[in-house]
């Protein structure tokens, strides 16, 4: 038996009908575009943002710390999705079209799955919050994509608004609450990797931590030459 959360309040259901009603009056190509975007497109866009963030993080003076923050993004999403498994089983909320008629469902195969919380919303917001901690510009873009993801899931008729909000809240809590523990492990790991042959994964140009930056080429030490000072560290992760 579903728990009481399955009995949605009027504002929750009313907003769902309002957003999903746009699908009924939209041309077929737009419905198909929103469905693909809400199912796959936004997640691909977020993956591209993470790749961009990694390329930029490798060029920062605090590259090992910045790359560690980027690594926390997919790990945080994994933790949030694992945390959602017992939540979804306990709440046991059916998809909105199971209990309510008149919805235009744009994607098939969701009948036997849980509605609360939205996995897509959880993944999108998890990436957005983790990216924001490292690169605010990319984080804002990812946040916009996460909000669009929530809209698409309601437009498609597969989630209530509170499913989306729940996913956002779960992802944000996991990213922020566990970030100190994660960084305590990931930062030393990235520093260690930066001192090995795999240094290009952490720092741009293949330079190892503690060596001089000489553009695209490494400068060899000359006896008697004064060593250049290391660039100052940024005060925080966010660029």
C-alpha atoms as a PDB file:
ATOM      1  CA  UNK A   1       0.000   0.000   0.000  1.00  0.00           C
ATOM      2  CA  UNK A   2       1.368   3.437  -0.878  1.00  0.00           C
ATOM      3  CA  UNK A   3       2.118   5.756   1.984  1.00  0.00           C
ATOM      4  CA  UNK A   4       0.104   8.974   2.437  1.00  0.00           C
ATOM      5  CA  UNK A   5       2.597  10.907   0.308  1.00  0.00           C
ATOM      6  CA  UNK A   6       0.991   9.272  -2.726  1.00  0.00           C
ATOM      7  CA  UNK A   7      -2.176  11.270  -1.967  1.00  0.00           C
ATOM      8  CA  UNK A   8      -0.924  14.517  -3.422  1.00  0.00           C
ATOM      9  CA  UNK A   9      -2.118  17.929  -2.367  1.00  0.00           C
ATOM     10  CA  UNK A  10      -4.049  20.065  -4.846  1.00  0.00           C
ATOM     11  CA  UNK A  11      -1.191  22.520  -5.562  1.00  0.00           C
ATOM     12  CA  UNK A  12       1.143  19.631  -6.355  1.00  0.00           C
ATOM     13  CA  UNK A  13      -1.308  17.941  -8.692  1.00  0.00           C
ATOM     14  CA  UNK A  14      -2.555  21.228 -10.127  1.00  0.00           C
ATOM     15  CA  UNK A  15       0.954  22.320 -11.122  1.00  0.00           C
ATOM     16  CA  UNK A  16       1.579  18.940 -12.720  1.00  0.00           C
ATOM     17  CA  UNK A  17      -1.577  19.235 -14.825  1.00  0.00           C
ATOM     18  CA  UNK A  18      -0.651  22.786 -15.798  1.00  0.00           C
ATOM     19  CA  UNK A  19       2.832  21.872 -16.990  1.00  0.00           C
ATOM     20  CA  UNK A  20       1.804  18.590 -18.585  1.00  0.00           C
ATOM     21  CA  UNK A  21      -1.073  20.389 -20.287  1.00  0.00           C
ATOM     22  CA  UNK A  22       1.523  22.177 -22.408  1.00  0.00           C
ATOM     23  CA  UNK A  23       2.360  18.826 -23.982  1.00  0.00           C
ATOM     24  CA  UNK A  24      -1.209  18.375 -25.177  1.00  0.00           C
ATOM     25  CA  UNK A  25      -1.180  21.646 -27.073  1.00  0.00           C
ATOM     26  CA  UNK A  26       2.361  21.249 -28.429  1.00  0.00           C
ATOM     27  CA  UNK A  27       3.272  19.796 -31.840  1.00  0.00           C
ATOM     28  CA  UNK A  28       4.571  16.253 -31.938  1.00  0.00           C
ATOM     29  CA  UNK A  29       8.138  17.273 -32.753  1.00  0.00           C
ATOM     30  CA  UNK A  30       8.296  19.475 -29.653  1.00  0.00           C
ATOM     31  CA  UNK A  31       6.998  16.671 -27.440  1.00  0.00           C
ATOM     32  CA  UNK A  32       9.656  14.371 -28.884  1.00  0.00           C
ATOM     33  CA  UNK A  33      12.372  16.980 -28.342  1.00  0.00           C
ATOM     34  CA  UNK A  34      11.381  17.604 -24.715  1.00  0.00           C
ATOM     35  CA  UNK A  35      11.177  13.858 -24.070  1.00  0.00           C
ATOM     36  CA  UNK A  36      14.675  13.240 -25.433  1.00  0.00           C
ATOM     37  CA  UNK A  37      16.023  16.268 -23.581  1.00  0.00           C
ATOM     38  CA  UNK A  38      14.447  15.237 -20.285  1.00  0.00           C
ATOM     39  CA  UNK A  39      15.515  11.613 -20.620  1.00  0.00           C
ATOM     40  CA  UNK A  40      19.023  11.909 -22.087  1.00  0.00           C
ATOM     41  CA  UNK A  41      19.933  15.359 -23.421  1.00  0.00           C
ATOM     42  CA  UNK A  42      20.380  17.247 -20.156  1.00  0.00           C
ATOM     43  CA  UNK A  43      22.447  14.452 -18.637  1.00  0.00           C
ATOM     44  CA  UNK A  44      24.714  14.536 -21.699  1.00  0.00           C
ATOM     45  CA  UNK A  45      24.981  18.313 -21.368  1.00  0.00           C
ATOM     46  CA  UNK A  46      25.962  17.986 -17.713  1.00  0.00           C
ATOM     47  CA  UNK A  47      28.602  15.416 -18.636  1.00  0.00           C
ATOM     48  CA  UNK A  48      30.011  17.908 -21.149  1.00  0.00           C
ATOM     49  CA  UNK A  49      30.117  20.576 -18.425  1.00  0.00           C
ATOM     50  CA  UNK A  50      32.017  18.212 -16.141  1.00  0.00           C
ATOM     51  CA  UNK A  51      34.526  17.542 -18.919  1.00  0.00           C
ATOM     52  CA  UNK A  52      34.923  21.289 -19.464  1.00  0.00           C
ATOM     53  CA  UNK A  53      35.360  21.805 -15.730  1.00  0.00           C
ATOM     54  CA  UNK A  54      38.059  19.142 -15.612  1.00  0.00           C
ATOM     55  CA  UNK A  55      39.988  20.734 -18.495  1.00  0.00           C
ATOM     56  CA  UNK A  56      39.822  24.115 -16.766  1.00  0.00           C
ATOM     57  CA  UNK A  57      40.659  22.718 -13.322  1.00  0.00           C
ATOM     58  CA  UNK A  58      43.895  21.188 -14.644  1.00  0.00           C
ATOM     59  CA  UNK A  59      45.131  24.676 -15.547  1.00  0.00           C
ATOM     60  CA  UNK A  60      44.504  26.204 -12.133  1.00  0.00           C
ATOM     61  CA  UNK A  61      47.279  26.847  -9.600  1.00  0.00           C
ATOM     62  CA  UNK A  62      45.421  24.602  -7.153  1.00  0.00           C
ATOM     63  CA  UNK A  63      44.818  21.933  -9.791  1.00  0.00           C
ATOM     64  CA  UNK A  64      44.856  18.893  -7.451  1.00  0.00           C
ATOM     65  CA  UNK A  65      42.251  20.504  -5.185  1.00  0.00           C
ATOM     66  CA  UNK A  66      40.074  21.615  -8.112  1.00  0.00           C
ATOM     67  CA  UNK A  67      40.224  18.216  -9.814  1.00  0.00           C
ATOM     68  CA  UNK A  68      39.338  16.556  -6.511  1.00  0.00           C
ATOM     69  CA  UNK A  69      36.233  18.740  -6.400  1.00  0.00           C
ATOM     70  CA  UNK A  70      35.338  17.627  -9.925  1.00  0.00           C
ATOM     71  CA  UNK A  71      35.754  13.978  -8.947  1.00  0.00           C
ATOM     72  CA  UNK A  72      33.305  14.514  -6.091  1.00  0.00           C
ATOM     73  CA  UNK A  73      30.521  15.359  -8.584  1.00  0.00           C
ATOM     74  CA  UNK A  74      29.956  11.848 -10.034  1.00  0.00           C
ATOM     75  CA  UNK A  75      30.709  10.230  -6.691  1.00  0.00           C
ATOM     76  CA  UNK A  76      28.126  12.422  -4.957  1.00  0.00           C
ATOM     77  CA  UNK A  77      25.535  11.512  -7.582  1.00  0.00           C
ATOM     78  CA  UNK A  78      26.256   7.824  -6.988  1.00  0.00           C
ATOM     79  CA  UNK A  79      25.843   8.241  -3.233  1.00  0.00           C
ATOM     80  CA  UNK A  80      22.592  10.191  -3.700  1.00  0.00           C
ATOM     81  CA  UNK A  81      21.186   7.532  -6.014  1.00  0.00           C
ATOM     82  CA  UNK A  82      22.061   4.811  -3.513  1.00  0.00           C
ATOM     83  CA  UNK A  83      20.405   6.827  -0.753  1.00  0.00           C
ATOM     84  CA  UNK A  84      17.301   7.131  -2.894  1.00  0.00           C
ATOM     85  CA  UNK A  85      16.816   3.363  -3.109  1.00  0.00           C
ATOM     86  CA  UNK A  86      15.482   2.918   0.454  1.00  0.00           C
ATOM     87  CA  UNK A  87      13.637   6.260   0.285  1.00  0.00           C
ATOM     88  CA  UNK A  88      11.775   5.215  -2.858  1.00  0.00           C
ATOM     89  CA  UNK A  89      10.941   1.808  -1.379  1.00  0.00           C
ATOM     90  CA  UNK A  90       9.625   3.276   1.885  1.00  0.00           C
ATOM     91  CA  UNK A  91       7.544   6.027   0.285  1.00  0.00           C
ATOM     92  CA  UNK A  92       6.355   3.704  -2.511  1.00  0.00           C
ATOM     93  CA  UNK A  93       4.754   6.488  -4.521  1.00  0.00           C
ATOM     94  CA  UNK A  94       3.340   5.441  -7.905  1.00  0.00           C
ATOM     95  CA  UNK A  95       3.852   7.492 -11.028  1.00  0.00           C
ATOM     96  CA  UNK A  96       1.250  10.275 -11.324  1.00  0.00           C
ATOM     97  CA  UNK A  97      -0.453   8.763 -14.368  1.00  0.00           C
ATOM     98  CA  UNK A  98      -1.166   5.582 -12.376  1.00  0.00           C
ATOM     99  CA  UNK A  99      -3.470   7.378  -9.923  1.00  0.00           C
ATOM    100  CA  UNK A 100      -4.678  10.260 -12.095  1.00  0.00           C
ATOM    101  CA  UNK A 101      -6.240  10.354 -15.522  1.00  0.00           C
ATOM    102  CA  UNK A 102      -5.936  12.961 -18.227  1.00  0.00           C
ATOM    103  CA  UNK A 103      -2.132  13.167 -18.236  1.00  0.00           C
ATOM    104  CA  UNK A 104      -0.223  13.080 -21.507  1.00  0.00           C
ATOM    105  CA  UNK A 105       2.593  10.577 -20.832  1.00  0.00           C
ATOM    106  CA  UNK A 106       5.431  11.073 -23.319  1.00  0.00           C
ATOM    107  CA  UNK A 107       7.690   8.192 -22.329  1.00  0.00           C
ATOM    108  CA  UNK A 108       6.730   4.541 -21.933  1.00  0.00           C
ATOM    109  CA  UNK A 109       7.917   1.889 -19.501  1.00  0.00           C
ATOM    110  CA  UNK A 110       7.570   3.857 -16.245  1.00  0.00           C
ATOM    111  CA  UNK A 111       4.462   2.133 -14.899  1.00  0.00           C
ATOM    112  CA  UNK A 112       6.167  -0.195 -12.430  1.00  0.00           C
ATOM    113  CA  UNK A 113       8.730   2.291 -11.120  1.00  0.00           C
ATOM    114  CA  UNK A 114       8.659   4.702  -8.192  1.00  0.00           C
ATOM    115  CA  UNK A 115       7.886   8.376  -8.619  1.00  0.00           C
ATOM    116  CA  UNK A 116       9.453   9.839  -5.434  1.00  0.00           C
ATOM    117  CA  UNK A 117      12.142  11.023  -5.640  1.00  0.00           C
ATOM    118  CA  UNK A 118      13.020  11.852  -9.248  1.00  0.00           C
ATOM    119  CA  UNK A 119      16.299  10.158 -10.172  1.00  0.00           C
ATOM    120  CA  UNK A 120      16.905  12.524 -13.082  1.00  0.00           C
ATOM    121  CA  UNK A 121      16.385  15.567 -10.868  1.00  0.00           C
ATOM    122  CA  UNK A 122      18.690  14.104  -8.218  1.00  0.00           C
ATOM    123  CA  UNK A 123      21.478  13.460 -10.708  1.00  0.00           C
ATOM    124  CA  UNK A 124      21.151  16.867 -12.359  1.00  0.00           C
ATOM    125  CA  UNK A 125      21.170  18.892  -9.148  1.00  0.00           C
ATOM    126  CA  UNK A 126      23.959  16.771  -7.674  1.00  0.00           C
ATOM    127  CA  UNK A 127      26.206  17.625 -10.617  1.00  0.00           C
ATOM    128  CA  UNK A 128      25.153  21.290 -10.474  1.00  0.00           C
ATOM    129  CA  UNK A 129      25.920  21.777  -6.766  1.00  0.00           C
ATOM    130  CA  UNK A 130      29.232  19.902  -6.961  1.00  0.00           C
ATOM    131  CA  UNK A 131      30.281  21.911 -10.022  1.00  0.00           C
ATOM    132  CA  UNK A 132      29.344  25.165  -8.286  1.00  0.00           C
ATOM    133  CA  UNK A 133      31.781  24.375  -5.472  1.00  0.00           C
ATOM    134  CA  UNK A 134      34.603  24.211  -8.015  1.00  0.00           C
ATOM    135  CA  UNK A 135      33.588  26.560 -10.822  1.00  0.00           C
ATOM    136  CA  UNK A 136      30.747  28.980 -10.180  1.00  0.00           C
ATOM    137  CA  UNK A 137      30.212  29.845 -13.844  1.00  0.00           C
ATOM    138  CA  UNK A 138      29.774  26.209 -14.854  1.00  0.00           C
ATOM    139  CA  UNK A 139      27.774  25.611 -11.680  1.00  0.00           C
ATOM    140  CA  UNK A 140      25.222  28.278 -12.623  1.00  0.00           C
ATOM    141  CA  UNK A 141      24.862  26.759 -16.096  1.00  0.00           C
ATOM    142  CA  UNK A 142      24.425  23.290 -14.612  1.00  0.00           C
ATOM    143  CA  UNK A 143      21.872  24.662 -12.141  1.00  0.00           C
ATOM    144  CA  UNK A 144      19.840  26.040 -15.033  1.00  0.00           C
ATOM    145  CA  UNK A 145      19.966  22.648 -16.728  1.00  0.00           C
ATOM    146  CA  UNK A 146      18.838  20.970 -13.481  1.00  0.00           C
ATOM    147  CA  UNK A 147      15.797  23.253 -13.281  1.00  0.00           C
ATOM    148  CA  UNK A 148      15.045  22.514 -16.926  1.00  0.00           C
ATOM    149  CA  UNK A 149      15.316  18.821 -16.116  1.00  0.00           C
ATOM    150  CA  UNK A 150      12.646  19.125 -13.455  1.00  0.00           C
ATOM    151  CA  UNK A 151      10.354  20.981 -15.862  1.00  0.00           C
ATOM    152  CA  UNK A 152      10.862  18.316 -18.531  1.00  0.00           C
ATOM    153  CA  UNK A 153       9.984  15.494 -16.150  1.00  0.00           C
ATOM    154  CA  UNK A 154       6.655  17.160 -15.334  1.00  0.00           C
ATOM    155  CA  UNK A 155       6.049  18.045 -18.996  1.00  0.00           C
ATOM    156  CA  UNK A 156       6.535  14.355 -19.800  1.00  0.00           C
ATOM    157  CA  UNK A 157       3.937  13.390 -17.184  1.00  0.00           C
ATOM    158  CA  UNK A 158       6.205  11.061 -15.204  1.00  0.00           C
ATOM    159  CA  UNK A 159       6.795  13.067 -11.984  1.00  0.00           C
ATOM    160  CA  UNK A 160       4.946  15.284  -9.532  1.00  0.00           C
ATOM    161  CA  UNK A 161       6.532  18.657  -8.679  1.00  0.00           C
ATOM    162  CA  UNK A 162       7.329  17.352  -5.186  1.00  0.00           C
ATOM    163  CA  UNK A 163       9.232  14.435  -6.762  1.00  0.00           C
ATOM    164  CA  UNK A 164      11.467  16.981  -8.470  1.00  0.00           C
ATOM    165  CA  UNK A 165      11.877  19.121  -5.336  1.00  0.00           C
ATOM    166  CA  UNK A 166      12.680  16.020  -3.320  1.00  0.00           C
ATOM    167  CA  UNK A 167      15.387  15.063  -5.799  1.00  0.00           C
ATOM    168  CA  UNK A 168      16.878  18.542  -5.649  1.00  0.00           C
ATOM    169  CA  UNK A 169      16.899  18.488  -1.839  1.00  0.00           C
ATOM    170  CA  UNK A 170      18.407  15.003  -1.601  1.00  0.00           C
ATOM    171  CA  UNK A 171      21.212  15.833  -4.043  1.00  0.00           C
ATOM    172  CA  UNK A 172      22.045  19.143  -2.368  1.00  0.00           C
ATOM    173  CA  UNK A 173      22.172  17.564   1.084  1.00  0.00           C
ATOM    174  CA  UNK A 174      24.444  14.720  -0.035  1.00  0.00           C
ATOM    175  CA  UNK A 175      26.852  16.999  -1.909  1.00  0.00           C
ATOM    176  CA  UNK A 176      27.217  19.601   0.831  1.00  0.00           C
ATOM    177  CA  UNK A 177      27.114  17.396   3.928  1.00  0.00           C
ATOM    178  CA  UNK A 178      29.571  14.789   2.663  1.00  0.00           C
ATOM    179  CA  UNK A 179      31.894  17.138   0.758  1.00  0.00           C
ATOM    180  CA  UNK A 180      34.334  17.665   3.691  1.00  0.00           C
ATOM    181  CA  UNK A 181      34.776  13.902   4.110  1.00  0.00           C
ATOM    182  CA  UNK A 182      35.106  13.337   0.380  1.00  0.00           C
ATOM    183  CA  UNK A 183      37.656  16.124  -0.083  1.00  0.00           C
ATOM    184  CA  UNK A 184      39.709  14.842   2.842  1.00  0.00           C
ATOM    185  CA  UNK A 185      40.210  11.663   0.815  1.00  0.00           C
ATOM    186  CA  UNK A 186      40.225  12.995  -2.758  1.00  0.00           C
ATOM    187  CA  UNK A 187      42.637  15.927  -2.305  1.00  0.00           C
ATOM    188  CA  UNK A 188      45.556  13.790  -1.000  1.00  0.00           C
ATOM    189  CA  UNK A 189      44.771  11.243  -3.705  1.00  0.00           C
ATOM    190  CA  UNK A 190      44.972  13.860  -6.455  1.00  0.00           C
ATOM    191  CA  UNK A 191      48.192  15.281  -4.997  1.00  0.00           C
ATOM    192  CA  UNK A 192      49.672  11.784  -5.033  1.00  0.00           C
ATOM    193  CA  UNK A 193      48.615  11.168  -8.632  1.00  0.00           C
ATOM    194  CA  UNK A 194      50.090  14.553  -9.614  1.00  0.00           C
ATOM    195  CA  UNK A 195      53.505  13.249  -8.559  1.00  0.00           C
ATOM    196  CA  UNK A 196      53.316  10.207 -10.837  1.00  0.00           C
ATOM    197  CA  UNK A 197      53.398   9.552 -14.564  1.00  0.00           C
ATOM    198  CA  UNK A 198      49.605  10.087 -14.550  1.00  0.00           C
ATOM    199  CA  UNK A 199      50.125  13.759 -13.676  1.00  0.00           C
ATOM    200  CA  UNK A 200      48.413  14.971 -16.928  1.00  0.00           C
ATOM    201  CA  UNK A 201      45.129  13.762 -15.450  1.00  0.00           C
ATOM    202  CA  UNK A 202      45.538  16.299 -12.636  1.00  0.00           C
ATOM    203  CA  UNK A 203      47.654  19.147 -14.014  1.00  0.00           C
ATOM    204  CA  UNK A 204      47.840  20.564 -17.520  1.00  0.00           C
ATOM    205  CA  UNK A 205      50.959  20.211 -19.645  1.00  0.00           C
ATOM    206  CA  UNK A 206      52.026  17.011 -17.937  1.00  0.00           C
ATOM    207  CA  UNK A 207      53.929  18.929 -15.255  1.00  0.00           C
ATOM    208  CA  UNK A 208      54.180  17.282 -11.882  1.00  0.00           C
ATOM    209  CA  UNK A 209      53.329  19.046  -8.644  1.00  0.00           C
ATOM    210  CA  UNK A 210      56.207  21.197  -7.479  1.00  0.00           C
ATOM    211  CA  UNK A 211      57.776  21.775 -10.918  1.00  0.00           C
ATOM    212  CA  UNK A 212      57.991  25.063 -12.755  1.00  0.00           C
ATOM    213  CA  UNK A 213      55.441  26.197 -15.282  1.00  0.00           C
ATOM    214  CA  UNK A 214      57.218  26.992 -18.513  1.00  0.00           C
ATOM    215  CA  UNK A 215      54.351  27.327 -20.966  1.00  0.00           C
ATOM    216  CA  UNK A 216      54.006  24.215 -23.041  1.00  0.00           C
ATOM    217  CA  UNK A 217      57.631  23.180 -22.353  1.00  0.00           C
ATOM    218  CA  UNK A 218      59.376  22.389 -19.093  1.00  0.00           C
ATOM    219  CA  UNK A 219      62.414  24.483 -18.154  1.00  0.00           C
ATOM    220  CA  UNK A 220      65.425  22.678 -16.806  1.00  0.00           C
ATOM    221  CA  UNK A 221      67.029  23.972 -13.664  1.00  0.00           C
ATOM    222  CA  UNK A 222      70.213  25.940 -14.258  1.00  0.00           C
ATOM    223  CA  UNK A 223      72.868  26.024 -11.503  1.00  0.00           C
ATOM    224  CA  UNK A 224      72.767  29.347  -9.720  1.00  0.00           C
ATOM    225  CA  UNK A 225      69.453  30.348 -11.266  1.00  0.00           C
ATOM    226  CA  UNK A 226      66.878  31.773  -8.876  1.00  0.00           C
ATOM    227  CA  UNK A 227      63.742  29.655  -8.875  1.00  0.00           C
ATOM    228  CA  UNK A 228      60.485  31.418  -9.700  1.00  0.00           C
ATOM    229  CA  UNK A 229      57.925  31.619  -6.948  1.00  0.00           C
ATOM    230  CA  UNK A 230      54.997  29.307  -7.135  1.00  0.00           C
ATOM    231  CA  UNK A 231      51.763  31.051  -8.127  1.00  0.00           C
ATOM    232  CA  UNK A 232      49.506  31.979  -5.205  1.00  0.00           C
ATOM    233  CA  UNK A 233      46.746  29.576  -4.297  1.00  0.00           C
ATOM    234  CA  UNK A 234      43.159  30.651  -4.802  1.00  0.00           C
ATOM    235  CA  UNK A 235      41.282  31.360  -1.565  1.00  0.00           C
ATOM    236  CA  UNK A 236      38.573  28.824  -2.314  1.00  0.00           C
ATOM    237  CA  UNK A 237      37.543  26.169  -4.797  1.00  0.00           C
ATOM    238  CA  UNK A 238      35.045  28.199  -6.778  1.00  0.00           C
ATOM    239  CA  UNK A 239      36.500  29.971  -9.815  1.00  0.00           C
END
